[in-house]
Amino acid sequence: MHSVLFVCTANICRSPMAMGLLQSMVNDQNKSWLIRSAGVWALENQSAATNTIKLLKDRGIDIRDHRSQLITQDMIEKFNLILVMERNQKEALKTAFPNEASKIFLLSEMAGESFEIGDPIGGTMADFNATGSEIENILQEGFPKINQLSAD
């Protein structure tokens, strides 16, 4: 089984976007995938941002049932690949969970890069669309590496 956990700050914009987009990409594959999201500093049980829901709905992806959750030790241990949006999130997780550090990466590293995905919270729909397109491009370009690193 493949397992990927996407992590951002509040688990209402970027990580649910990435989760929905990757789920859509692997939907028709025969392999079983576990794809979830969490936040480093998330408030529990918040719905995804309205613009995140709209952005994904426009792509045929429904995440209206998404509820934010704070990352836990159990989650870190359960997933084969942890993908974060910012360097400080990567550092925080590697410090908090040193035994799992080898499976924590910036999302952009999956496409051979090393940059942060900006948080569109408080921005316009155009900001959300730009973030969504950036995440989607990384997922497509980095899929071979994601496929490899997320496998048991």
N, C-alpha and C. Protein backbone atom coordinates (compact mmCIF):
# COMPACT_ATOMS: atom_id res chain seq x y z
N MET A 1 0.84 -1.19 0.00
CA MET A 1 0.00 0.00 0.00
C MET A 1 0.88 1.25 0.00
N HIS A 2 0.39 2.28 -0.67
CA HIS A 2 1.05 3.58 -0.68
C HIS A 2 0.38 4.46 0.36
N SER A 3 1.18 5.26 1.08
CA SER A 3 0.60 6.19 2.05
C SER A 3 1.35 7.51 2.04
N VAL A 4 0.57 8.59 1.93
CA VAL A 4 1.12 9.95 1.87
C VAL A 4 0.32 10.82 2.82
N LEU A 5 1.03 11.58 3.64
CA LEU A 5 0.41 12.57 4.52
C LEU A 5 0.92 13.94 4.11
N PHE A 6 0.00 14.82 3.72
CA PHE A 6 0.35 16.20 3.38
C PHE A 6 0.17 17.06 4.62
N VAL A 7 1.13 17.95 4.87
CA VAL A 7 1.10 18.78 6.07
C VAL A 7 1.33 20.24 5.70
N CYS A 8 0.47 21.11 6.24
CA CYS A 8 0.68 22.55 6.13
C CYS A 8 0.48 23.15 7.53
N THR A 9 0.17 24.40 7.60
CA THR A 9 0.05 25.05 8.91
C THR A 9 -1.27 24.70 9.59
N ALA A 10 -2.39 25.11 9.00
CA ALA A 10 -3.69 24.97 9.65
C ALA A 10 -4.54 23.83 9.10
N ASN A 11 -4.07 23.18 8.04
CA ASN A 11 -4.79 22.06 7.42
C ASN A 11 -6.15 22.48 6.86
N ILE A 12 -6.18 23.70 6.29
CA ILE A 12 -7.42 24.15 5.65
C ILE A 12 -7.22 24.63 4.21
N CYS A 13 -5.98 24.82 3.77
CA CYS A 13 -5.74 25.31 2.40
C CYS A 13 -4.85 24.35 1.62
N ARG A 14 -3.54 24.45 1.83
CA ARG A 14 -2.59 23.74 0.98
C ARG A 14 -2.62 22.23 1.13
N SER A 15 -2.60 21.73 2.36
CA SER A 15 -2.56 20.26 2.51
C SER A 15 -3.85 19.59 2.05
N PRO A 16 -5.05 20.16 2.31
CA PRO A 16 -6.24 19.53 1.74
C PRO A 16 -6.26 19.62 0.20
N MET A 17 -5.71 20.72 -0.35
CA MET A 17 -5.61 20.84 -1.81
C MET A 17 -4.77 19.69 -2.36
N ALA A 18 -3.58 19.52 -1.78
CA ALA A 18 -2.66 18.48 -2.26
C ALA A 18 -3.29 17.10 -2.08
N MET A 19 -3.95 16.87 -0.96
CA MET A 19 -4.61 15.59 -0.70
C MET A 19 -5.65 15.30 -1.78
N GLY A 20 -6.52 16.27 -2.04
CA GLY A 20 -7.57 16.08 -3.04
C GLY A 20 -7.01 15.86 -4.43
N LEU A 21 -5.98 16.63 -4.77
CA LEU A 21 -5.39 16.51 -6.11
C LEU A 21 -4.70 15.16 -6.30
N LEU A 22 -3.96 14.70 -5.29
CA LEU A 22 -3.30 13.40 -5.43
C LEU A 22 -4.32 12.27 -5.45
N GLN A 23 -5.35 12.36 -4.61
CA GLN A 23 -6.40 11.34 -4.63
C GLN A 23 -7.03 11.25 -6.01
N SER A 24 -7.25 12.39 -6.64
CA SER A 24 -7.82 12.42 -7.97
C SER A 24 -6.88 11.77 -8.99
N MET A 25 -5.58 12.00 -8.83
CA MET A 25 -4.59 11.43 -9.74
C MET A 25 -4.53 9.90 -9.67
N VAL A 26 -4.65 9.36 -8.46
CA VAL A 26 -4.47 7.91 -8.28
C VAL A 26 -5.79 7.14 -8.25
N ASN A 27 -6.90 7.88 -8.38
CA ASN A 27 -8.23 7.29 -8.28
C ASN A 27 -8.43 6.05 -9.13
N ASP A 28 -7.93 6.09 -10.35
CA ASP A 28 -8.19 4.99 -11.27
C ASP A 28 -7.06 3.97 -11.32
N GLN A 29 -6.13 4.05 -10.38
CA GLN A 29 -5.06 3.06 -10.31
C GLN A 29 -5.53 1.86 -9.50
N ASN A 30 -4.97 0.72 -9.81
CA ASN A 30 -5.33 -0.50 -9.10
C ASN A 30 -4.71 -0.57 -7.71
N LYS A 31 -3.61 0.13 -7.51
CA LYS A 31 -2.93 0.11 -6.21
C LYS A 31 -3.79 0.83 -5.17
N SER A 32 -3.68 0.38 -3.95
CA SER A 32 -4.42 1.07 -2.90
C SER A 32 -3.55 2.17 -2.30
N TRP A 33 -4.14 3.29 -2.11
CA TRP A 33 -3.45 4.47 -1.57
C TRP A 33 -4.19 4.97 -0.34
N LEU A 34 -3.42 5.40 0.66
CA LEU A 34 -3.94 6.11 1.83
C LEU A 34 -3.36 7.52 1.74
N ILE A 35 -4.23 8.50 1.54
CA ILE A 35 -3.80 9.89 1.38
C ILE A 35 -4.61 10.74 2.34
N ARG A 36 -3.91 11.44 3.23
CA ARG A 36 -4.57 12.28 4.23
C ARG A 36 -3.80 13.59 4.37
N SER A 37 -4.31 14.46 5.22
CA SER A 37 -3.63 15.73 5.48
C SER A 37 -3.79 16.10 6.95
N ALA A 38 -2.88 16.95 7.40
CA ALA A 38 -2.88 17.42 8.79
C ALA A 38 -2.17 18.77 8.84
N GLY A 39 -2.22 19.39 10.01
CA GLY A 39 -1.56 20.68 10.19
C GLY A 39 -0.61 20.67 11.36
N VAL A 40 0.46 21.41 11.23
CA VAL A 40 1.45 21.52 12.31
C VAL A 40 0.88 22.32 13.47
N TRP A 41 0.10 23.35 13.16
CA TRP A 41 -0.52 24.19 14.20
C TRP A 41 -2.01 24.33 13.93
N ALA A 42 -2.67 23.23 13.62
CA ALA A 42 -4.08 23.26 13.22
C ALA A 42 -5.02 23.31 14.41
N LEU A 43 -6.13 24.03 14.23
CA LEU A 43 -7.26 23.91 15.14
C LEU A 43 -8.05 22.70 14.66
N GLU A 44 -8.51 21.89 15.57
CA GLU A 44 -9.21 20.66 15.21
C GLU A 44 -10.60 20.95 14.62
N ASN A 45 -10.99 20.14 13.64
CA ASN A 45 -12.36 20.06 13.15
C ASN A 45 -12.84 21.29 12.38
N GLN A 46 -11.93 22.03 11.74
CA GLN A 46 -12.32 23.17 10.89
C GLN A 46 -12.51 22.66 9.47
N SER A 47 -13.48 23.22 8.76
CA SER A 47 -13.65 22.83 7.36
C SER A 47 -12.54 23.48 6.53
N ALA A 48 -12.32 22.96 5.35
CA ALA A 48 -11.35 23.57 4.44
C ALA A 48 -11.81 24.98 4.10
N ALA A 49 -10.86 25.82 3.74
CA ALA A 49 -11.20 27.19 3.34
C ALA A 49 -12.17 27.16 2.16
N THR A 50 -13.09 28.10 2.14
CA THR A 50 -14.10 28.17 1.08
C THR A 50 -13.47 28.14 -0.30
N ASN A 51 -12.39 28.91 -0.49
CA ASN A 51 -11.72 28.95 -1.79
C ASN A 51 -11.02 27.63 -2.13
N THR A 52 -10.58 26.89 -1.13
CA THR A 52 -9.99 25.57 -1.37
C THR A 52 -11.07 24.61 -1.86
N ILE A 53 -12.21 24.65 -1.20
CA ILE A 53 -13.34 23.79 -1.61
C ILE A 53 -13.76 24.13 -3.04
N LYS A 54 -13.85 25.43 -3.35
CA LYS A 54 -14.26 25.85 -4.69
C LYS A 54 -13.23 25.44 -5.74
N LEU A 55 -11.96 25.66 -5.45
CA LEU A 55 -10.90 25.30 -6.39
C LEU A 55 -10.96 23.82 -6.75
N LEU A 56 -11.11 22.98 -5.75
CA LEU A 56 -11.15 21.54 -6.01
C LEU A 56 -12.47 21.14 -6.68
N LYS A 57 -13.57 21.77 -6.28
CA LYS A 57 -14.86 21.48 -6.92
C LYS A 57 -14.79 21.76 -8.41
N ASP A 58 -14.11 22.85 -8.78
CA ASP A 58 -13.94 23.20 -10.19
C ASP A 58 -13.15 22.15 -10.96
N ARG A 59 -12.40 21.32 -10.23
CA ARG A 59 -11.63 20.23 -10.84
C ARG A 59 -12.33 18.88 -10.64
N GLY A 60 -13.58 18.92 -10.18
CA GLY A 60 -14.34 17.69 -9.99
C GLY A 60 -14.01 16.92 -8.73
N ILE A 61 -13.42 17.61 -7.74
CA ILE A 61 -13.00 16.97 -6.49
C ILE A 61 -13.80 17.56 -5.34
N ASP A 62 -14.42 16.71 -4.53
CA ASP A 62 -15.27 17.16 -3.43
C ASP A 62 -14.59 16.91 -2.09
N ILE A 63 -14.22 17.99 -1.40
CA ILE A 63 -13.63 17.85 -0.06
C ILE A 63 -14.47 18.59 0.99
N ARG A 64 -15.75 18.71 0.73
CA ARG A 64 -16.62 19.41 1.69
C ARG A 64 -16.62 18.74 3.06
N ASP A 65 -16.35 17.44 3.11
CA ASP A 65 -16.35 16.72 4.39
C ASP A 65 -15.02 16.83 5.13
N HIS A 66 -14.02 17.45 4.53
CA HIS A 66 -12.71 17.58 5.17
C HIS A 66 -12.82 18.34 6.49
N ARG A 67 -12.13 17.84 7.52
CA ARG A 67 -12.02 18.53 8.79
C ARG A 67 -10.55 18.55 9.20
N SER A 68 -10.09 19.72 9.61
CA SER A 68 -8.68 19.89 9.98
C SER A 68 -8.34 19.05 11.20
N GLN A 69 -7.07 18.64 11.22
CA GLN A 69 -6.56 17.90 12.37
C GLN A 69 -5.10 18.23 12.60
N LEU A 70 -4.72 18.19 13.85
CA LEU A 70 -3.34 18.43 14.26
C LEU A 70 -2.55 17.15 14.06
N ILE A 71 -1.35 17.28 13.54
CA ILE A 71 -0.51 16.10 13.31
C ILE A 71 -0.16 15.44 14.64
N THR A 72 -0.09 14.11 14.62
CA THR A 72 0.22 13.34 15.83
C THR A 72 1.33 12.34 15.56
N GLN A 73 1.89 11.81 16.62
CA GLN A 73 2.90 10.76 16.52
C GLN A 73 2.35 9.56 15.74
N ASP A 74 1.11 9.17 16.04
CA ASP A 74 0.50 8.03 15.34
C ASP A 74 0.45 8.26 13.84
N MET A 75 0.08 9.47 13.44
CA MET A 75 0.02 9.78 12.00
C MET A 75 1.39 9.66 11.37
N ILE A 76 2.36 10.27 12.00
CA ILE A 76 3.73 10.25 11.46
C ILE A 76 4.20 8.81 11.26
N GLU A 77 3.91 7.95 12.23
CA GLU A 77 4.34 6.55 12.15
C GLU A 77 3.56 5.77 11.09
N LYS A 78 2.31 6.13 10.86
CA LYS A 78 1.42 5.38 9.98
C LYS A 78 1.74 5.58 8.49
N PHE A 79 2.29 6.75 8.14
CA PHE A 79 2.49 7.10 6.73
C PHE A 79 3.94 6.87 6.29
N ASN A 80 4.09 6.40 5.06
CA ASN A 80 5.41 6.15 4.50
C ASN A 80 6.08 7.43 4.01
N LEU A 81 5.29 8.43 3.64
CA LEU A 81 5.81 9.67 3.08
C LEU A 81 5.04 10.84 3.67
N ILE A 82 5.79 11.82 4.20
CA ILE A 82 5.21 13.03 4.78
C ILE A 82 5.69 14.20 3.94
N LEU A 83 4.77 14.94 3.33
CA LEU A 83 5.12 16.07 2.47
C LEU A 83 4.59 17.37 3.05
N VAL A 84 5.52 18.29 3.31
CA VAL A 84 5.19 19.58 3.93
C VAL A 84 5.33 20.71 2.91
N MET A 85 4.80 21.87 3.24
CA MET A 85 4.79 23.00 2.33
C MET A 85 5.92 24.00 2.58
N GLU A 86 6.41 24.07 3.83
CA GLU A 86 7.40 25.07 4.20
C GLU A 86 8.56 24.44 4.96
N ARG A 87 9.72 25.10 4.86
CA ARG A 87 10.92 24.60 5.55
C ARG A 87 10.74 24.52 7.06
N ASN A 88 10.05 25.52 7.65
CA ASN A 88 9.87 25.51 9.10
C ASN A 88 9.00 24.33 9.54
N GLN A 89 8.06 23.91 8.69
CA GLN A 89 7.24 22.73 9.00
C GLN A 89 8.10 21.48 8.96
N LYS A 90 8.97 21.39 7.98
CA LYS A 90 9.89 20.25 7.86
C LYS A 90 10.79 20.17 9.09
N GLU A 91 11.37 21.30 9.46
CA GLU A 91 12.25 21.34 10.64
C GLU A 91 11.50 20.98 11.91
N ALA A 92 10.29 21.53 12.07
CA ALA A 92 9.49 21.25 13.28
C ALA A 92 9.18 19.77 13.39
N LEU A 93 8.78 19.14 12.28
CA LEU A 93 8.44 17.72 12.32
C LEU A 93 9.67 16.85 12.55
N LYS A 94 10.78 17.19 11.90
CA LYS A 94 12.00 16.40 12.09
C LYS A 94 12.51 16.51 13.53
N THR A 95 12.31 17.68 14.14
CA THR A 95 12.71 17.87 15.54
C THR A 95 11.78 17.11 16.49
N ALA A 96 10.48 17.19 16.22
CA ALA A 96 9.49 16.54 17.09
C ALA A 96 9.48 15.02 16.92
N PHE A 97 9.81 14.55 15.73
CA PHE A 97 9.74 13.11 15.42
C PHE A 97 11.04 12.64 14.77
N PRO A 98 12.16 12.68 15.51
CA PRO A 98 13.46 12.38 14.91
C PRO A 98 13.56 10.97 14.32
N ASN A 99 12.83 10.02 14.86
CA ASN A 99 12.90 8.65 14.34
C ASN A 99 12.22 8.51 12.99
N GLU A 100 11.42 9.48 12.60
CA GLU A 100 10.69 9.44 11.33
C GLU A 100 11.22 10.48 10.34
N ALA A 101 12.33 11.14 10.67
CA ALA A 101 12.85 12.26 9.87
C ALA A 101 13.14 11.89 8.43
N SER A 102 13.51 10.65 8.17
CA SER A 102 13.91 10.25 6.81
C SER A 102 12.75 10.24 5.81
N LYS A 103 11.53 10.31 6.30
CA LYS A 103 10.39 10.29 5.37
C LYS A 103 9.67 11.63 5.27
N ILE A 104 10.29 12.70 5.78
CA ILE A 104 9.71 14.04 5.77
C ILE A 104 10.42 14.90 4.73
N PHE A 105 9.65 15.42 3.77
CA PHE A 105 10.21 16.21 2.67
C PHE A 105 9.34 17.43 2.40
N LEU A 106 9.96 18.47 1.80
CA LEU A 106 9.18 19.54 1.19
C LEU A 106 8.48 18.94 -0.02
N LEU A 107 7.25 19.33 -0.28
CA LEU A 107 6.54 18.85 -1.45
C LEU A 107 7.36 19.10 -2.71
N SER A 108 7.97 20.27 -2.83
CA SER A 108 8.73 20.63 -4.03
C SER A 108 9.91 19.68 -4.28
N GLU A 109 10.42 19.03 -3.23
CA GLU A 109 11.53 18.09 -3.40
C GLU A 109 11.13 16.88 -4.25
N MET A 110 9.84 16.60 -4.33
CA MET A 110 9.39 15.47 -5.15
C MET A 110 9.63 15.75 -6.64
N ALA A 111 9.72 17.03 -7.00
CA ALA A 111 9.98 17.42 -8.39
C ALA A 111 11.43 17.88 -8.56
N GLY A 112 12.30 17.52 -7.62
CA GLY A 112 13.71 17.86 -7.73
C GLY A 112 14.05 19.30 -7.42
N GLU A 113 13.16 20.00 -6.74
CA GLU A 113 13.35 21.40 -6.40
C GLU A 113 13.46 21.54 -4.87
N SER A 114 13.60 22.78 -4.40
CA SER A 114 13.59 23.03 -2.96
C SER A 114 13.04 24.43 -2.71
N PHE A 115 11.72 24.56 -2.80
CA PHE A 115 11.08 25.84 -2.54
C PHE A 115 9.80 25.60 -1.75
N GLU A 116 9.32 26.67 -1.13
CA GLU A 116 8.12 26.59 -0.31
C GLU A 116 6.88 26.90 -1.13
N ILE A 117 5.77 26.33 -0.73
CA ILE A 117 4.47 26.62 -1.33
C ILE A 117 3.81 27.68 -0.45
N GLY A 118 3.61 28.87 -0.99
CA GLY A 118 3.03 29.97 -0.22
C GLY A 118 1.60 29.69 0.22
N ASP A 119 1.24 30.22 1.36
CA ASP A 119 -0.09 30.02 1.92
C ASP A 119 -1.05 31.05 1.33
N PRO A 120 -2.12 30.62 0.64
CA PRO A 120 -3.04 31.58 0.03
C PRO A 120 -4.10 32.12 0.99
N ILE A 121 -4.10 31.68 2.25
CA ILE A 121 -5.14 32.09 3.20
C ILE A 121 -5.25 33.62 3.23
N GLY A 122 -6.46 34.12 3.16
CA GLY A 122 -6.69 35.56 3.16
C GLY A 122 -6.54 36.19 1.79
N GLY A 123 -6.16 35.37 0.80
CA GLY A 123 -5.96 35.89 -0.55
C GLY A 123 -7.21 35.76 -1.40
N THR A 124 -7.06 36.13 -2.64
CA THR A 124 -8.16 36.08 -3.60
C THR A 124 -8.27 34.67 -4.19
N MET A 125 -9.33 34.47 -4.95
CA MET A 125 -9.48 33.19 -5.64
C MET A 125 -8.32 32.96 -6.60
N ALA A 126 -7.81 34.04 -7.20
CA ALA A 126 -6.65 33.92 -8.09
C ALA A 126 -5.43 33.39 -7.32
N ASP A 127 -5.26 33.82 -6.07
CA ASP A 127 -4.16 33.32 -5.24
C ASP A 127 -4.32 31.82 -4.99
N PHE A 128 -5.54 31.40 -4.69
CA PHE A 128 -5.81 29.98 -4.45
C PHE A 128 -5.57 29.17 -5.72
N ASN A 129 -6.01 29.72 -6.87
CA ASN A 129 -5.80 29.02 -8.14
C ASN A 129 -4.32 28.87 -8.45
N ALA A 130 -3.54 29.91 -8.17
CA ALA A 130 -2.09 29.85 -8.41
C ALA A 130 -1.46 28.78 -7.53
N THR A 131 -1.86 28.73 -6.26
CA THR A 131 -1.33 27.71 -5.35
C THR A 131 -1.75 26.32 -5.80
N GLY A 132 -3.01 26.17 -6.18
CA GLY A 132 -3.50 24.88 -6.65
C GLY A 132 -2.76 24.40 -7.88
N SER A 133 -2.51 25.31 -8.82
CA SER A 133 -1.77 24.94 -10.03
C SER A 133 -0.34 24.55 -9.71
N GLU A 134 0.27 25.29 -8.79
CA GLU A 134 1.65 24.97 -8.38
C GLU A 134 1.72 23.58 -7.75
N ILE A 135 0.80 23.28 -6.86
CA ILE A 135 0.76 21.96 -6.22
C ILE A 135 0.50 20.88 -7.26
N GLU A 136 -0.45 21.12 -8.14
CA GLU A 136 -0.79 20.13 -9.17
C GLU A 136 0.41 19.83 -10.07
N ASN A 137 1.14 20.88 -10.48
CA ASN A 137 2.32 20.68 -11.32
C ASN A 137 3.39 19.86 -10.61
N ILE A 138 3.61 20.13 -9.33
CA ILE A 138 4.61 19.37 -8.57
C ILE A 138 4.17 17.91 -8.46
N LEU A 139 2.89 17.68 -8.17
CA LEU A 139 2.40 16.31 -8.04
C LEU A 139 2.57 15.54 -9.35
N GLN A 140 2.29 16.20 -10.46
CA GLN A 140 2.43 15.52 -11.75
C GLN A 140 3.89 15.24 -12.08
N GLU A 141 4.74 16.26 -11.92
CA GLU A 141 6.16 16.08 -12.22
C GLU A 141 6.83 15.13 -11.24
N GLY A 142 6.43 15.21 -9.98
CA GLY A 142 7.06 14.41 -8.94
C GLY A 142 6.41 13.07 -8.67
N PHE A 143 5.39 12.71 -9.47
CA PHE A 143 4.66 11.48 -9.18
C PHE A 143 5.54 10.23 -9.14
N PRO A 144 6.49 10.05 -10.04
CA PRO A 144 7.33 8.85 -9.94
C PRO A 144 8.03 8.73 -8.57
N LYS A 145 8.54 9.85 -8.06
CA LYS A 145 9.21 9.83 -6.76
C LYS A 145 8.21 9.61 -5.63
N ILE A 146 7.04 10.24 -5.73
CA ILE A 146 5.99 10.05 -4.72
C ILE A 146 5.58 8.57 -4.71
N ASN A 147 5.40 8.01 -5.87
CA ASN A 147 5.01 6.61 -6.02
C ASN A 147 6.05 5.70 -5.35
N GLN A 148 7.30 6.00 -5.58
CA GLN A 148 8.40 5.19 -5.02
C GLN A 148 8.48 5.34 -3.50
N LEU A 149 8.51 6.57 -3.00
CA LEU A 149 8.73 6.81 -1.57
C LEU A 149 7.52 6.48 -0.70
N SER A 150 6.33 6.46 -1.30
CA SER A 150 5.12 6.21 -0.52
C SER A 150 4.81 4.73 -0.39
N ALA A 151 5.51 3.89 -1.13
CA ALA A 151 5.24 2.45 -1.11
C ALA A 151 5.77 1.81 0.17
N ASP A 152 5.11 0.72 0.58
CA ASP A 152 5.57 -0.03 1.76
C ASP A 152 6.97 -0.55 1.54
